[in-house]
Amino acid sequence: MIGAVGPESSQCSRAGCSAEAAHTVNWRNPRIHGEDRVKIWLACVEHVDYLHDYLASRDFPVVVTPLGETVDRVVIS
């Protein structure tokens, strides 16, 4: 996973950002991963839309949740 994750900090995955994450960006590349594979990026309030749009523009299914909330699968709707 991109970004620092640990008991003290959850840093945004956007390159160059050191802000505290507030969201989890759950995604997968359907060309190489099955529906049960979920990749996770963390996002601060400022970059959540940027990270979502970056992945969605590549036709990757994306689900954004509050930090700490997980999903079992990410499917194309």
Protein backbone atom coordinates (compact mmCIF):
# COMPACT_ATOMS: atom_id res chain seq x y z
CA MET A 1 0.00 0.00 0.00
CA ILE A 2 1.21 3.47 -0.81
CA GLY A 3 1.38 5.86 2.16
CA ALA A 4 2.44 5.33 5.73
CA VAL A 5 0.08 3.21 7.76
CA GLY A 6 0.67 2.49 11.37
CA PRO A 7 -0.67 2.96 14.86
CA GLU A 8 0.47 6.60 14.97
CA SER A 9 -0.27 7.79 11.43
CA SER A 10 -2.28 7.20 8.29
CA GLN A 11 -0.71 9.38 5.61
CA CYS A 12 -2.35 10.32 2.31
CA SER A 13 -1.17 8.24 -0.67
CA ARG A 14 -0.98 11.23 -3.05
CA ALA A 15 2.64 11.79 -4.05
CA GLY A 16 4.19 14.59 -2.01
CA CYS A 17 1.31 14.83 0.46
CA SER A 18 1.99 14.28 4.13
CA ALA A 19 -1.53 15.10 5.37
CA GLU A 20 -3.47 12.77 7.61
CA ALA A 21 -5.79 10.44 5.68
CA ALA A 22 -9.55 10.65 6.20
CA HIS A 23 -10.69 8.22 3.48
CA THR A 24 -9.86 4.80 2.09
CA VAL A 25 -9.82 4.49 -1.70
CA ASN A 26 -10.58 0.83 -2.48
CA TRP A 27 -9.87 -0.24 -6.06
CA ARG A 28 -8.68 -2.98 -8.38
CA ASN A 29 -7.37 -3.41 -11.89
CA PRO A 30 -9.94 -5.75 -13.51
CA ARG A 31 -7.50 -6.72 -16.27
CA ILE A 32 -5.22 -8.48 -13.79
CA HIS A 33 -7.19 -8.92 -10.52
CA GLY A 34 -10.32 -10.90 -9.68
CA GLU A 35 -13.32 -9.29 -7.97
CA ASP A 36 -12.13 -10.44 -4.55
CA ARG A 37 -8.82 -8.52 -4.82
CA VAL A 38 -9.04 -5.06 -3.24
CA LYS A 39 -6.13 -2.63 -3.36
CA ILE A 40 -6.14 0.28 -0.90
CA TRP A 41 -4.87 3.84 -1.08
CA LEU A 42 -5.38 6.36 1.68
CA ALA A 43 -6.60 9.89 0.96
CA CYS A 44 -6.78 13.16 2.83
CA VAL A 45 -9.81 15.41 2.37
CA GLU A 46 -8.00 17.49 -0.27
CA HIS A 47 -6.93 14.53 -2.45
CA VAL A 48 -9.79 12.03 -2.20
CA ASP A 49 -11.45 13.23 -5.42
CA TYR A 50 -8.11 13.37 -7.26
CA LEU A 51 -7.21 9.77 -6.36
CA HIS A 52 -10.74 8.52 -7.13
CA ASP A 53 -10.79 10.28 -10.52
CA TYR A 54 -7.27 9.08 -11.37
CA LEU A 55 -8.32 5.45 -10.94
CA ALA A 56 -11.80 5.82 -12.45
CA SER A 57 -10.35 7.45 -15.60
CA ARG A 58 -8.48 4.19 -16.19
CA ASP A 59 -11.76 2.23 -15.93
CA PHE A 60 -10.77 0.73 -12.57
CA PRO A 61 -13.69 0.12 -10.21
CA VAL A 62 -13.32 2.37 -7.16
CA VAL A 63 -15.17 2.62 -3.85
CA VAL A 64 -14.34 5.39 -1.37
CA THR A 65 -15.06 4.77 2.31
CA PRO A 66 -14.27 6.60 5.53
CA LEU A 67 -10.86 5.70 6.97
CA GLY A 68 -11.03 2.41 8.83
CA GLU A 69 -14.03 1.10 6.88
CA THR A 70 -13.24 -1.77 4.51
CA VAL A 71 -14.98 -3.46 1.58
CA ASP A 72 -14.86 -7.13 0.56
CA ARG A 73 -14.81 -6.53 -3.19
CA VAL A 74 -14.82 -3.74 -5.74
CA VAL A 75 -16.95 -4.43 -8.83
CA ILE A 76 -17.78 -2.50 -11.95
CA SER A 77 -21.34 -1.22 -11.62
